[in-house]
């Protein structure tokens, strides 16, 4: 990713980012993430189409370090707490053909992680 795009994402994270916690088992990593939403469609075996939304999180890849760089996995969670409540989102692929996350930029410096609200 070019320097300008990285600068824009860092500015966006500073202005619109939220404090969250990336969770895998007992591991907890505090991150500053840019929340977003994306719509996907699924077609079942009968041809019925269902549209649903995921909550996506844009995180700088280097923020997911616990001795080594972590790769997001389906089943990991992201917790977001506000003064009123804590919400848990489970990471997973939005469709059978989509991955649970995407690298953003040429070097994968940023990650767009798909999740569904579970709590």
PDB file of N, CA and C in Angstrom:
ATOM      1  N   UNK A   1       0.856  -1.159   0.000  1.00  0.00           N
ATOM      2  CA  UNK A   1       0.000   0.000   0.000  1.00  0.00           C
ATOM      3  C   UNK A   1       0.901   1.220   0.000  1.00  0.00           C
ATOM      4  N   UNK A   2       0.528   2.196  -0.774  1.00  0.00           N
ATOM      5  CA  UNK A   2       1.380   3.372  -0.830  1.00  0.00           C
ATOM      6  C   UNK A   2       1.282   4.180   0.463  1.00  0.00           C
ATOM      7  N   UNK A   3       2.236   5.046   0.639  1.00  0.00           N
ATOM      8  CA  UNK A   3       2.322   5.841   1.880  1.00  0.00           C
ATOM      9  C   UNK A   3       1.083   6.698   2.093  1.00  0.00           C
ATOM     10  N   UNK A   4       0.520   7.234   1.018  1.00  0.00           N
ATOM     11  CA  UNK A   4      -0.666   8.090   1.133  1.00  0.00           C
ATOM     12  C   UNK A   4      -1.860   7.281   1.643  1.00  0.00           C
ATOM     13  N   UNK A   5      -2.073   6.082   1.108  1.00  0.00           N
ATOM     14  CA  UNK A   5      -3.191   5.253   1.552  1.00  0.00           C
ATOM     15  C   UNK A   5      -3.008   4.836   3.007  1.00  0.00           C
ATOM     16  N   UNK A   6      -1.792   4.499   3.392  1.00  0.00           N
ATOM     17  CA  UNK A   6      -1.512   4.134   4.779  1.00  0.00           C
ATOM     18  C   UNK A   6      -1.789   5.324   5.696  1.00  0.00           C
ATOM     19  N   UNK A   7      -1.369   6.511   5.277  1.00  0.00           N
ATOM     20  CA  UNK A   7      -1.621   7.708   6.081  1.00  0.00           C
ATOM     21  C   UNK A   7      -3.116   7.943   6.252  1.00  0.00           C
ATOM     22  N   UNK A   8      -3.884   7.755   5.178  1.00  0.00           N
ATOM     23  CA  UNK A   8      -5.330   7.950   5.237  1.00  0.00           C
ATOM     24  C   UNK A   8      -5.964   6.950   6.197  1.00  0.00           C
ATOM     25  N   UNK A   9      -5.561   5.683   6.130  1.00  0.00           N
ATOM     26  CA  UNK A   9      -6.116   4.688   7.043  1.00  0.00           C
ATOM     27  C   UNK A   9      -5.741   4.988   8.497  1.00  0.00           C
ATOM     28  N   UNK A  10      -4.531   5.427   8.724  1.00  0.00           N
ATOM     29  CA  UNK A  10      -4.128   5.783  10.098  1.00  0.00           C
ATOM     30  C   UNK A  10      -4.925   6.980  10.606  1.00  0.00           C
ATOM     31  N   UNK A  11      -5.158   7.971   9.734  1.00  0.00           N
ATOM     32  CA  UNK A  11      -5.981   9.122  10.124  1.00  0.00           C
ATOM     33  C   UNK A  11      -7.414   8.679  10.409  1.00  0.00           C
ATOM     34  N   UNK A  12      -7.948   7.820   9.563  1.00  0.00           N
ATOM     35  CA  UNK A  12      -9.306   7.312   9.762  1.00  0.00           C
ATOM     36  C   UNK A  12      -9.404   6.529  11.070  1.00  0.00           C
ATOM     37  N   UNK A  13      -8.402   5.721  11.357  1.00  0.00           N
ATOM     38  CA  UNK A  13      -8.388   4.966  12.616  1.00  0.00           C
ATOM     39  C   UNK A  13      -8.349   5.932  13.804  1.00  0.00           C
ATOM     40  N   UNK A  14      -7.553   6.985  13.701  1.00  0.00           N
ATOM     41  CA  UNK A  14      -7.461   7.960  14.788  1.00  0.00           C
ATOM     42  C   UNK A  14      -8.781   8.687  14.998  1.00  0.00           C
ATOM     43  N   UNK A  15      -9.467   9.048  13.898  1.00  0.00           N
ATOM     44  CA  UNK A  15     -10.694   9.837  13.977  1.00  0.00           C
ATOM     45  C   UNK A  15     -11.947   8.992  14.216  1.00  0.00           C
ATOM     46  N   UNK A  16     -12.032   7.823  13.592  1.00  0.00           N
ATOM     47  CA  UNK A  16     -13.251   7.012  13.635  1.00  0.00           C
ATOM     48  C   UNK A  16     -13.048   5.643  14.274  1.00  0.00           C
ATOM     49  N   UNK A  17     -11.816   5.348  14.646  1.00  0.00           N
ATOM     50  CA  UNK A  17     -11.519   4.040  15.225  1.00  0.00           C
ATOM     51  C   UNK A  17     -12.092   3.891  16.629  1.00  0.00           C
ATOM     52  N   UNK A  18     -12.271   2.644  17.028  1.00  0.00           N
ATOM     53  CA  UNK A  18     -12.777   2.331  18.360  1.00  0.00           C
ATOM     54  C   UNK A  18     -11.802   1.382  19.041  1.00  0.00           C
ATOM     55  N   UNK A  19     -11.792   1.423  20.350  1.00  0.00           N
ATOM     56  CA  UNK A  19     -10.993   0.473  21.111  1.00  0.00           C
ATOM     57  C   UNK A  19     -11.729  -0.860  21.128  1.00  0.00           C
ATOM     58  N   UNK A  20     -11.002  -1.922  20.837  1.00  0.00           N
ATOM     59  CA  UNK A  20     -11.586  -3.263  20.815  1.00  0.00           C
ATOM     60  C   UNK A  20     -10.522  -4.235  21.319  1.00  0.00           C
ATOM     61  N   UNK A  21     -10.947  -5.470  21.506  1.00  0.00           N
ATOM     62  CA  UNK A  21     -10.022  -6.512  21.942  1.00  0.00           C
ATOM     63  C   UNK A  21     -10.147  -7.691  20.997  1.00  0.00           C
ATOM     64  N   UNK A  22      -9.017  -8.102  20.425  1.00  0.00           N
ATOM     65  CA  UNK A  22      -8.978  -9.288  19.558  1.00  0.00           C
ATOM     66  C   UNK A  22      -8.736 -10.488  20.467  1.00  0.00           C
ATOM     67  N   UNK A  23      -9.588 -11.512  20.367  1.00  0.00           N
ATOM     68  CA  UNK A  23      -9.534 -12.647  21.292  1.00  0.00           C
ATOM     69  C   UNK A  23      -9.375 -13.973  20.550  1.00  0.00           C
ATOM     70  N   UNK A  24      -8.458 -14.784  21.056  1.00  0.00           N
ATOM     71  CA  UNK A  24      -8.289 -16.164  20.576  1.00  0.00           C
ATOM     72  C   UNK A  24      -7.996 -17.001  21.821  1.00  0.00           C
ATOM     73  N   UNK A  25      -8.954 -17.826  22.197  1.00  0.00           N
ATOM     74  CA  UNK A  25      -8.790 -18.598  23.425  1.00  0.00           C
ATOM     75  C   UNK A  25      -8.622 -17.664  24.600  1.00  0.00           C
ATOM     76  N   UNK A  26      -7.540 -17.828  25.347  1.00  0.00           N
ATOM     77  CA  UNK A  26      -7.273 -16.952  26.491  1.00  0.00           C
ATOM     78  C   UNK A  26      -6.458 -15.717  26.104  1.00  0.00           C
ATOM     79  N   UNK A  27      -6.022 -15.649  24.874  1.00  0.00           N
ATOM     80  CA  UNK A  27      -5.242 -14.515  24.385  1.00  0.00           C
ATOM     81  C   UNK A  27      -6.143 -13.304  24.168  1.00  0.00           C
ATOM     82  N   UNK A  28      -5.712 -12.149  24.656  1.00  0.00           N
ATOM     83  CA  UNK A  28      -6.436 -10.899  24.491  1.00  0.00           C
ATOM     84  C   UNK A  28      -5.453  -9.833  24.007  1.00  0.00           C
ATOM     85  N   UNK A  29      -5.740  -9.234  22.835  1.00  0.00           N
ATOM     86  CA  UNK A  29      -4.871  -8.193  22.280  1.00  0.00           C
ATOM     87  C   UNK A  29      -5.699  -6.923  22.074  1.00  0.00           C
ATOM     88  N   UNK A  30      -5.384  -5.852  22.806  1.00  0.00           N
ATOM     89  CA  UNK A  30      -6.101  -4.592  22.577  1.00  0.00           C
ATOM     90  C   UNK A  30      -5.707  -3.999  21.222  1.00  0.00           C
ATOM     91  N   UNK A  31      -6.706  -3.536  20.470  1.00  0.00           N
ATOM     92  CA  UNK A  31      -6.466  -2.941  19.152  1.00  0.00           C
ATOM     93  C   UNK A  31      -7.329  -1.690  19.001  1.00  0.00           C
ATOM     94  N   UNK A  32      -6.954  -0.870  18.075  1.00  0.00           N
ATOM     95  CA  UNK A  32      -7.786   0.266  17.648  1.00  0.00           C
ATOM     96  C   UNK A  32      -8.238  -0.091  16.246  1.00  0.00           C
ATOM     97  N   UNK A  33      -9.544  -0.250  16.061  1.00  0.00           N
ATOM     98  CA  UNK A  33     -10.080  -0.758  14.799  1.00  0.00           C
ATOM     99  C   UNK A  33     -11.085   0.217  14.195  1.00  0.00           C
ATOM    100  N   UNK A  34     -11.176   0.187  12.887  1.00  0.00           N
ATOM    101  CA  UNK A  34     -12.164   0.978  12.166  1.00  0.00           C
ATOM    102  C   UNK A  34     -13.341   0.052  11.876  1.00  0.00           C
ATOM    103  N   UNK A  35     -14.506   0.274  12.505  1.00  0.00           N
ATOM    104  CA  UNK A  35     -15.653  -0.605  12.245  1.00  0.00           C
ATOM    105  C   UNK A  35     -16.353  -0.228  10.943  1.00  0.00           C
ATOM    106  N   UNK A  36     -16.954  -1.204  10.332  1.00  0.00           N
ATOM    107  CA  UNK A  36     -17.714  -0.979   9.113  1.00  0.00           C
ATOM    108  C   UNK A  36     -18.727  -2.083   8.925  1.00  0.00           C
ATOM    109  N   UNK A  37     -19.503  -1.995   7.867  1.00  0.00           N
ATOM    110  CA  UNK A  37     -20.502  -3.016   7.558  1.00  0.00           C
ATOM    111  C   UNK A  37     -20.405  -3.347   6.077  1.00  0.00           C
ATOM    112  N   UNK A  38     -20.766  -4.567   5.761  1.00  0.00           N
ATOM    113  CA  UNK A  38     -20.779  -4.998   4.368  1.00  0.00           C
ATOM    114  C   UNK A  38     -21.967  -5.926   4.177  1.00  0.00           C
ATOM    115  N   UNK A  39     -22.597  -5.874   3.027  1.00  0.00           N
ATOM    116  CA  UNK A  39     -23.731  -6.752   2.733  1.00  0.00           C
ATOM    117  C   UNK A  39     -23.305  -7.858   1.789  1.00  0.00           C
ATOM    118  N   UNK A  40     -23.815  -9.058   2.061  1.00  0.00           N
ATOM    119  CA  UNK A  40     -23.553 -10.221   1.231  1.00  0.00           C
ATOM    120  C   UNK A  40     -24.866 -10.908   0.927  1.00  0.00           C
ATOM    121  N   UNK A  41     -24.870 -11.693  -0.124  1.00  0.00           N
ATOM    122  CA  UNK A  41     -26.049 -12.495  -0.460  1.00  0.00           C
ATOM    123  C   UNK A  41     -25.669 -13.961  -0.461  1.00  0.00           C
ATOM    124  N   UNK A  42     -26.564 -14.781   0.061  1.00  0.00           N
ATOM    125  CA  UNK A  42     -26.405 -16.236   0.018  1.00  0.00           C
ATOM    126  C   UNK A  42     -27.600 -16.816  -0.717  1.00  0.00           C
ATOM    127  N   UNK A  43     -27.341 -17.814  -1.540  1.00  0.00           N
ATOM    128  CA  UNK A  43     -28.407 -18.516  -2.234  1.00  0.00           C
ATOM    129  C   UNK A  43     -28.430 -19.946  -1.729  1.00  0.00           C
ATOM    130  N   UNK A  44     -29.597 -20.395  -1.239  1.00  0.00           N
ATOM    131  CA  UNK A  44     -29.677 -21.772  -0.738  1.00  0.00           C
ATOM    132  C   UNK A  44     -29.937 -22.745  -1.875  1.00  0.00           C
ATOM    133  N   UNK A  45     -30.052 -24.035  -1.541  1.00  0.00           N
ATOM    134  CA  UNK A  45     -30.203 -25.071  -2.568  1.00  0.00           C
ATOM    135  C   UNK A  45     -31.508 -24.945  -3.355  1.00  0.00           C
ATOM    136  N   UNK A  46     -32.467 -24.146  -2.855  1.00  0.00           N
ATOM    137  CA  UNK A  46     -33.740 -23.961  -3.545  1.00  0.00           C
ATOM    138  C   UNK A  46     -33.775 -22.679  -4.369  1.00  0.00           C
ATOM    139  N   UNK A  47     -32.669 -21.945  -4.358  1.00  0.00           N
ATOM    140  CA  UNK A  47     -32.590 -20.721  -5.136  1.00  0.00           C
ATOM    141  C   UNK A  47     -33.026 -19.472  -4.391  1.00  0.00           C
ATOM    142  N   UNK A  48     -33.406 -19.613  -3.120  1.00  0.00           N
ATOM    143  CA  UNK A  48     -33.813 -18.441  -2.330  1.00  0.00           C
ATOM    144  C   UNK A  48     -32.568 -17.647  -1.941  1.00  0.00           C
ATOM    145  N   UNK A  49     -32.645 -16.336  -2.119  1.00  0.00           N
ATOM    146  CA  UNK A  49     -31.521 -15.463  -1.824  1.00  0.00           C
ATOM    147  C   UNK A  49     -31.772 -14.744  -0.499  1.00  0.00           C
ATOM    148  N   UNK A  50     -30.778 -14.791   0.360  1.00  0.00           N
ATOM    149  CA  UNK A  50     -30.838 -14.090   1.638  1.00  0.00           C
ATOM    150  C   UNK A  50     -29.722 -13.053   1.667  1.00  0.00           C
ATOM    151  N   UNK A  51     -30.082 -11.822   2.014  1.00  0.00           N
ATOM    152  CA  UNK A  51     -29.087 -10.767   2.169  1.00  0.00           C
ATOM    153  C   UNK A  51     -28.818 -10.590   3.649  1.00  0.00           C
ATOM    154  N   UNK A  52     -27.558 -10.489   4.019  1.00  0.00           N
ATOM    155  CA  UNK A  52     -27.208 -10.275   5.416  1.00  0.00           C
ATOM    156  C   UNK A  52     -26.008  -9.358   5.502  1.00  0.00           C
ATOM    157  N   UNK A  53     -25.819  -8.803   6.680  1.00  0.00           N
ATOM    158  CA  UNK A  53     -24.717  -7.865   6.912  1.00  0.00           C
ATOM    159  C   UNK A  53     -23.688  -8.484   7.833  1.00  0.00           C
ATOM    160  N   UNK A  54     -22.443  -8.131   7.564  1.00  0.00           N
ATOM    161  CA  UNK A  54     -21.375  -8.467   8.497  1.00  0.00           C
ATOM    162  C   UNK A  54     -20.886  -7.162   9.117  1.00  0.00           C
ATOM    163  N   UNK A  55     -20.315  -7.282  10.283  1.00  0.00           N
ATOM    164  CA  UNK A  55     -19.605  -6.157  10.886  1.00  0.00           C
ATOM    165  C   UNK A  55     -18.147  -6.415  10.572  1.00  0.00           C
ATOM    166  N   UNK A  56     -17.532  -5.493   9.876  1.00  0.00           N
ATOM    167  CA  UNK A  56     -16.138  -5.634   9.477  1.00  0.00           C
ATOM    168  C   UNK A  56     -15.271  -4.714  10.328  1.00  0.00           C
ATOM    169  N   UNK A  57     -14.053  -5.139  10.518  1.00  0.00           N
ATOM    170  CA  UNK A  57     -13.084  -4.398  11.318  1.00  0.00           C
ATOM    171  C   UNK A  57     -11.814  -4.237  10.499  1.00  0.00           C
ATOM    172  N   UNK A  58     -11.366  -3.016  10.319  1.00  0.00           N
ATOM    173  CA  UNK A  58     -10.096  -2.773   9.639  1.00  0.00           C
ATOM    174  C   UNK A  58      -9.051  -2.527  10.721  1.00  0.00           C
ATOM    175  N   UNK A  59      -8.036  -3.380  10.722  1.00  0.00           N
ATOM    176  CA  UNK A  59      -6.994  -3.356  11.742  1.00  0.00           C
ATOM    177  C   UNK A  59      -5.637  -3.371  11.047  1.00  0.00           C
ATOM    178  N   UNK A  60      -4.713  -2.607  11.562  1.00  0.00           N
ATOM    179  CA  UNK A  60      -3.354  -2.666  11.033  1.00  0.00           C
ATOM    180  C   UNK A  60      -2.761  -4.018  11.431  1.00  0.00           C
ATOM    181  N   UNK A  61      -2.247  -4.758  10.468  1.00  0.00           N
ATOM    182  CA  UNK A  61      -1.776  -6.131  10.710  1.00  0.00           C
ATOM    183  C   UNK A  61      -0.768  -6.201  11.849  1.00  0.00           C
ATOM    184  N   UNK A  62       0.110  -5.226  11.943  1.00  0.00           N
ATOM    185  CA  UNK A  62       1.148  -5.268  12.980  1.00  0.00           C
ATOM    186  C   UNK A  62       0.571  -5.108  14.396  1.00  0.00           C
ATOM    187  N   UNK A  63      -0.693  -4.728  14.511  1.00  0.00           N
ATOM    188  CA  UNK A  63      -1.328  -4.646  15.835  1.00  0.00           C
ATOM    189  C   UNK A  63      -1.675  -6.030  16.384  1.00  0.00           C
ATOM    190  N   UNK A  64      -1.750  -7.032  15.517  1.00  0.00           N
ATOM    191  CA  UNK A  64      -2.092  -8.393  15.947  1.00  0.00           C
ATOM    192  C   UNK A  64      -0.828  -9.202  16.208  1.00  0.00           C
ATOM    193  N   UNK A  65      -0.111  -8.805  17.225  1.00  0.00           N
ATOM    194  CA  UNK A  65       1.152  -9.472  17.559  1.00  0.00           C
ATOM    195  C   UNK A  65       1.090  -9.986  18.985  1.00  0.00           C
ATOM    196  N   UNK A  66       1.429 -11.253  19.135  1.00  0.00           N
ATOM    197  CA  UNK A  66       1.609 -11.860  20.453  1.00  0.00           C
ATOM    198  C   UNK A  66       2.879 -12.708  20.357  1.00  0.00           C
ATOM    199  N   UNK A  67       4.014 -12.038  20.351  1.00  0.00           N
ATOM    200  CA  UNK A  67       5.276 -12.734  20.121  1.00  0.00           C
ATOM    201  C   UNK A  67       5.528 -12.921  18.638  1.00  0.00           C
ATOM    202  N   UNK A  68       4.490 -13.188  17.888  1.00  0.00           N
ATOM    203  CA  UNK A  68       4.554 -13.301  16.430  1.00  0.00           C
ATOM    204  C   UNK A  68       3.266 -12.734  15.855  1.00  0.00           C
ATOM    205  N   UNK A  69       3.301 -12.424  14.579  1.00  0.00           N
ATOM    206  CA  UNK A  69       2.139 -11.858  13.908  1.00  0.00           C
ATOM    207  C   UNK A  69       1.050 -12.917  13.792  1.00  0.00           C
ATOM    208  N   UNK A  70      -0.160 -12.599  14.236  1.00  0.00           N
ATOM    209  CA  UNK A  70      -1.281 -13.529  14.148  1.00  0.00           C
ATOM    210  C   UNK A  70      -2.043 -13.332  12.843  1.00  0.00           C
ATOM    211  N   UNK A  71      -2.554 -14.405  12.315  1.00  0.00           N
ATOM    212  CA  UNK A  71      -3.448 -14.360  11.165  1.00  0.00           C
ATOM    213  C   UNK A  71      -4.854 -14.605  11.683  1.00  0.00           C
ATOM    214  N   UNK A  72      -5.823 -13.745  11.348  1.00  0.00           N
ATOM    215  CA  UNK A  72      -7.183 -13.960  11.829  1.00  0.00           C
ATOM    216  C   UNK A  72      -7.713 -15.333  11.402  1.00  0.00           C
ATOM    217  N   UNK A  73      -8.443 -15.978  12.301  1.00  0.00           N
ATOM    218  CA  UNK A  73      -9.018 -17.287  12.023  1.00  0.00           C
ATOM    219  C   UNK A  73     -10.502 -17.282  12.362  1.00  0.00           C
ATOM    220  N   UNK A  74     -11.276 -18.058  11.598  1.00  0.00           N
ATOM    221  CA  UNK A  74     -12.690 -18.233  11.913  1.00  0.00           C
ATOM    222  C   UNK A  74     -12.799 -18.777  13.331  1.00  0.00           C
ATOM    223  N   UNK A  75     -13.710 -18.207  14.097  1.00  0.00           N
ATOM    224  CA  UNK A  75     -13.895 -18.608  15.486  1.00  0.00           C
ATOM    225  C   UNK A  75     -13.235 -17.661  16.470  1.00  0.00           C
ATOM    226  N   UNK A  76     -12.224 -16.901  16.034  1.00  0.00           N
ATOM    227  CA  UNK A  76     -11.671 -15.859  16.893  1.00  0.00           C
ATOM    228  C   UNK A  76     -12.777 -14.835  17.136  1.00  0.00           C
ATOM    229  N   UNK A  77     -12.586 -13.978  18.116  1.00  0.00           N
ATOM    230  CA  UNK A  77     -13.606 -12.986  18.427  1.00  0.00           C
ATOM    231  C   UNK A  77     -13.008 -11.598  18.574  1.00  0.00           C
ATOM    232  N   UNK A  78     -13.874 -10.611  18.372  1.00  0.00           N
ATOM    233  CA  UNK A  78     -13.530  -9.223  18.640  1.00  0.00           C
ATOM    234  C   UNK A  78     -14.567  -8.707  19.619  1.00  0.00           C
ATOM    235  N   UNK A  79     -14.080  -8.180  20.736  1.00  0.00           N
ATOM    236  CA  UNK A  79     -14.963  -7.599  21.743  1.00  0.00           C
ATOM    237  C   UNK A  79     -14.888  -6.082  21.632  1.00  0.00           C
ATOM    238  N   UNK A  80     -16.064  -5.469  21.663  1.00  0.00           N
ATOM    239  CA  UNK A  80     -16.119  -4.006  21.650  1.00  0.00           C
ATOM    240  C   UNK A  80     -16.982  -3.579  22.822  1.00  0.00           C
ATOM    241  N   UNK A  81     -16.402  -2.825  23.731  1.00  0.00           N
ATOM    242  CA  UNK A  81     -17.122  -2.381  24.921  1.00  0.00           C
ATOM    243  C   UNK A  81     -17.370  -0.882  24.860  1.00  0.00           C
ATOM    244  N   UNK A  82     -18.575  -0.504  25.250  1.00  0.00           N
ATOM    245  CA  UNK A  82     -18.910   0.907  25.418  1.00  0.00           C
ATOM    246  C   UNK A  82     -19.276   1.096  26.892  1.00  0.00           C
ATOM    247  N   UNK A  83     -19.651   2.310  27.244  1.00  0.00           N
ATOM    248  CA  UNK A  83     -20.043   2.566  28.631  1.00  0.00           C
ATOM    249  C   UNK A  83     -21.294   1.774  29.005  1.00  0.00           C
ATOM    250  N   UNK A  84     -22.114   1.417  28.027  1.00  0.00           N
ATOM    251  CA  UNK A  84     -23.382   0.738  28.309  1.00  0.00           C
ATOM    252  C   UNK A  84     -23.320  -0.780  28.195  1.00  0.00           C
ATOM    253  N   UNK A  85     -22.468  -1.306  27.296  1.00  0.00           N
ATOM    254  CA  UNK A  85     -22.462  -2.759  27.089  1.00  0.00           C
ATOM    255  C   UNK A  85     -21.200  -3.234  26.394  1.00  0.00           C
ATOM    256  N   UNK A  86     -20.972  -4.528  26.502  1.00  0.00           N
ATOM    257  CA  UNK A  86     -19.890  -5.175  25.754  1.00  0.00           C
ATOM    258  C   UNK A  86     -20.553  -6.057  24.696  1.00  0.00           C
ATOM    259  N   UNK A  87     -20.075  -5.945  23.470  1.00  0.00           N
ATOM    260  CA  UNK A  87     -20.605  -6.746  22.376  1.00  0.00           C
ATOM    261  C   UNK A  87     -19.493  -7.631  21.845  1.00  0.00           C
ATOM    262  N   UNK A  88     -19.834  -8.884  21.561  1.00  0.00           N
ATOM    263  CA  UNK A  88     -18.863  -9.842  21.048  1.00  0.00           C
ATOM    264  C   UNK A  88     -19.228 -10.184  19.606  1.00  0.00           C
ATOM    265  N   UNK A  89     -18.214 -10.179  18.753  1.00  0.00           N
ATOM    266  CA  UNK A  89     -18.375 -10.504  17.335  1.00  0.00           C
ATOM    267  C   UNK A  89     -17.470 -11.690  17.024  1.00  0.00           C
ATOM    268  N   UNK A  90     -18.035 -12.699  16.366  1.00  0.00           N
ATOM    269  CA  UNK A  90     -17.232 -13.866  15.998  1.00  0.00           C
ATOM    270  C   UNK A  90     -16.770 -13.736  14.562  1.00  0.00           C
ATOM    271  N   UNK A  91     -15.480 -13.967  14.358  1.00  0.00           N
ATOM    272  CA  UNK A  91     -14.880 -13.871  13.033  1.00  0.00           C
ATOM    273  C   UNK A  91     -15.241 -15.107  12.224  1.00  0.00           C
ATOM    274  N   UNK A  92     -15.593 -14.867  10.970  1.00  0.00           N
ATOM    275  CA  UNK A  92     -15.915 -15.986  10.092  1.00  0.00           C
ATOM    276  C   UNK A  92     -16.154 -15.510   8.682  1.00  0.00           C
ATOM    277  N   UNK A  93     -16.107 -16.438   7.737  1.00  0.00           N
ATOM    278  CA  UNK A  93     -16.346 -16.064   6.339  1.00  0.00           C
ATOM    279  C   UNK A  93     -17.810 -15.706   6.134  1.00  0.00           C
ATOM    280  N   UNK A  94     -18.096 -14.640   5.412  1.00  0.00           N
ATOM    281  CA  UNK A  94     -19.480 -14.237   5.200  1.00  0.00           C
ATOM    282  C   UNK A  94     -20.236 -15.158   4.244  1.00  0.00           C
ATOM    283  N   UNK A  95     -19.527 -15.794   3.335  1.00  0.00           N
ATOM    284  CA  UNK A  95     -20.133 -16.754   2.412  1.00  0.00           C
ATOM    285  C   UNK A  95     -19.163 -17.915   2.231  1.00  0.00           C
ATOM    286  N   UNK A  96     -19.624 -18.937   1.567  1.00  0.00           N
ATOM    287  CA  UNK A  96     -18.770 -20.115   1.338  1.00  0.00           C
ATOM    288  C   UNK A  96     -17.592 -19.808   0.424  1.00  0.00           C
ATOM    289  N   UNK A  97     -17.713 -18.754  -0.368  1.00  0.00           N
ATOM    290  CA  UNK A  97     -16.645 -18.426  -1.316  1.00  0.00           C
ATOM    291  C   UNK A  97     -15.780 -17.252  -0.864  1.00  0.00           C
ATOM    292  N   UNK A  98     -16.130 -16.621   0.249  1.00  0.00           N
ATOM    293  CA  UNK A  98     -15.373 -15.486   0.762  1.00  0.00           C
ATOM    294  C   UNK A  98     -14.498 -15.933   1.930  1.00  0.00           C
ATOM    295  N   UNK A  99     -13.328 -15.330   2.093  1.00  0.00           N
ATOM    296  CA  UNK A  99     -12.493 -15.641   3.265  1.00  0.00           C
ATOM    297  C   UNK A  99     -12.999 -14.892   4.499  1.00  0.00           C
ATOM    298  N   UNK A 100     -12.510 -15.284   5.668  1.00  0.00           N
ATOM    299  CA  UNK A 100     -12.887 -14.617   6.920  1.00  0.00           C
ATOM    300  C   UNK A 100     -12.270 -13.221   7.013  1.00  0.00           C
ATOM    301  N   UNK A 101     -11.204 -12.995   6.275  1.00  0.00           N
ATOM    302  CA  UNK A 101     -10.577 -11.674   6.259  1.00  0.00           C
ATOM    303  C   UNK A 101      -9.906 -11.475   4.910  1.00  0.00           C
ATOM    304  N   UNK A 102      -9.591 -10.210   4.635  1.00  0.00           N
ATOM    305  CA  UNK A 102      -8.849  -9.853   3.422  1.00  0.00           C
ATOM    306  C   UNK A 102      -7.692  -8.950   3.809  1.00  0.00           C
ATOM    307  N   UNK A 103      -6.588  -9.151   3.147  1.00  0.00           N
ATOM    308  CA  UNK A 103      -5.479  -8.218   3.301  1.00  0.00           C
ATOM    309  C   UNK A 103      -5.764  -7.005   2.438  1.00  0.00           C
ATOM    310  N   UNK A 104      -5.423  -5.852   2.956  1.00  0.00           N
ATOM    311  CA  UNK A 104      -5.596  -4.605   2.216  1.00  0.00           C
ATOM    312  C   UNK A 104      -4.202  -4.086   1.881  1.00  0.00           C
ATOM    313  N   UNK A 105      -4.013  -3.723   0.645  1.00  0.00           N
ATOM    314  CA  UNK A 105      -2.736  -3.181   0.218  1.00  0.00           C
ATOM    315  C   UNK A 105      -1.831  -4.254  -0.356  1.00  0.00           C
ATOM    316  N   UNK A 106      -0.831  -3.824  -1.053  1.00  0.00           N
ATOM    317  CA  UNK A 106       0.101  -4.718  -1.726  1.00  0.00           C
ATOM    318  C   UNK A 106       0.814  -5.625  -0.735  1.00  0.00           C
ATOM    319  N   UNK A 107       1.226  -5.068   0.394  1.00  0.00           N
ATOM    320  CA  UNK A 107       1.975  -5.838   1.377  1.00  0.00           C
ATOM    321  C   UNK A 107       1.097  -6.426   2.479  1.00  0.00           C
ATOM    322  N   UNK A 108      -0.216  -6.242   2.402  1.00  0.00           N
ATOM    323  CA  UNK A 108      -1.106  -6.765   3.433  1.00  0.00           C
ATOM    324  C   UNK A 108      -0.899  -6.092   4.776  1.00  0.00           C
ATOM    325  N   UNK A 109      -0.580  -4.803   4.744  1.00  0.00           N
ATOM    326  CA  UNK A 109      -0.314  -4.058   5.977  1.00  0.00           C
ATOM    327  C   UNK A 109      -1.555  -3.865   6.838  1.00  0.00           C
ATOM    328  N   UNK A 110      -2.716  -3.943   6.223  1.00  0.00           N
ATOM    329  CA  UNK A 110      -3.985  -3.764   6.916  1.00  0.00           C
ATOM    330  C   UNK A 110      -4.865  -4.974   6.631  1.00  0.00           C
ATOM    331  N   UNK A 111      -5.769  -5.287   7.555  1.00  0.00           N
ATOM    332  CA  UNK A 111      -6.672  -6.425   7.414  1.00  0.00           C
ATOM    333  C   UNK A 111      -8.113  -5.958   7.538  1.00  0.00           C
ATOM    334  N   UNK A 112      -8.975  -6.465   6.670  1.00  0.00           N
ATOM    335  CA  UNK A 112     -10.426  -6.251   6.795  1.00  0.00           C
ATOM    336  C   UNK A 112     -11.001  -7.583   7.253  1.00  0.00           C
ATOM    337  N   UNK A 113     -11.472  -7.621   8.483  1.00  0.00           N
ATOM    338  CA  UNK A 113     -11.905  -8.853   9.124  1.00  0.00           C
ATOM    339  C   UNK A 113     -13.433  -8.877   9.195  1.00  0.00           C
ATOM    340  N   UNK A 114     -14.046  -9.958   8.678  1.00  0.00           N
ATOM    341  CA  UNK A 114     -15.503 -10.105   8.695  1.00  0.00           C
ATOM    342  C   UNK A 114     -15.939 -10.783   9.991  1.00  0.00           C
ATOM    343  N   UNK A 115     -17.063 -10.315  10.544  1.00  0.00           N
ATOM    344  CA  UNK A 115     -17.574 -10.924  11.777  1.00  0.00           C
ATOM    345  C   UNK A 115     -19.089 -10.811  11.842  1.00  0.00           C
ATOM    346  N   UNK A 116     -19.659 -11.597  12.737  1.00  0.00           N
ATOM    347  CA  UNK A 116     -21.088 -11.557  13.030  1.00  0.00           C
ATOM    348  C   UNK A 116     -21.256 -11.330  14.521  1.00  0.00           C
ATOM    349  N   UNK A 117     -22.231 -10.504  14.888  1.00  0.00           N
ATOM    350  CA  UNK A 117     -22.511 -10.261  16.296  1.00  0.00           C
ATOM    351  C   UNK A 117     -23.043 -11.541  16.924  1.00  0.00           C
ATOM    352  N   UNK A 118     -22.452 -11.950  18.061  1.00  0.00           N
ATOM    353  CA  UNK A 118     -22.914 -13.168  18.740  1.00  0.00           C
ATOM    354  C   UNK A 118     -23.408 -12.885  20.144  1.00  0.00           C
ATOM    355  N   UNK A 119     -23.143 -11.725  20.685  1.00  0.00           N
ATOM    356  CA  UNK A 119     -23.555 -11.430  22.063  1.00  0.00           C
ATOM    357  C   UNK A 119     -23.904  -9.981  22.203  1.00  0.00           C
TER     358      UNK A 119
END
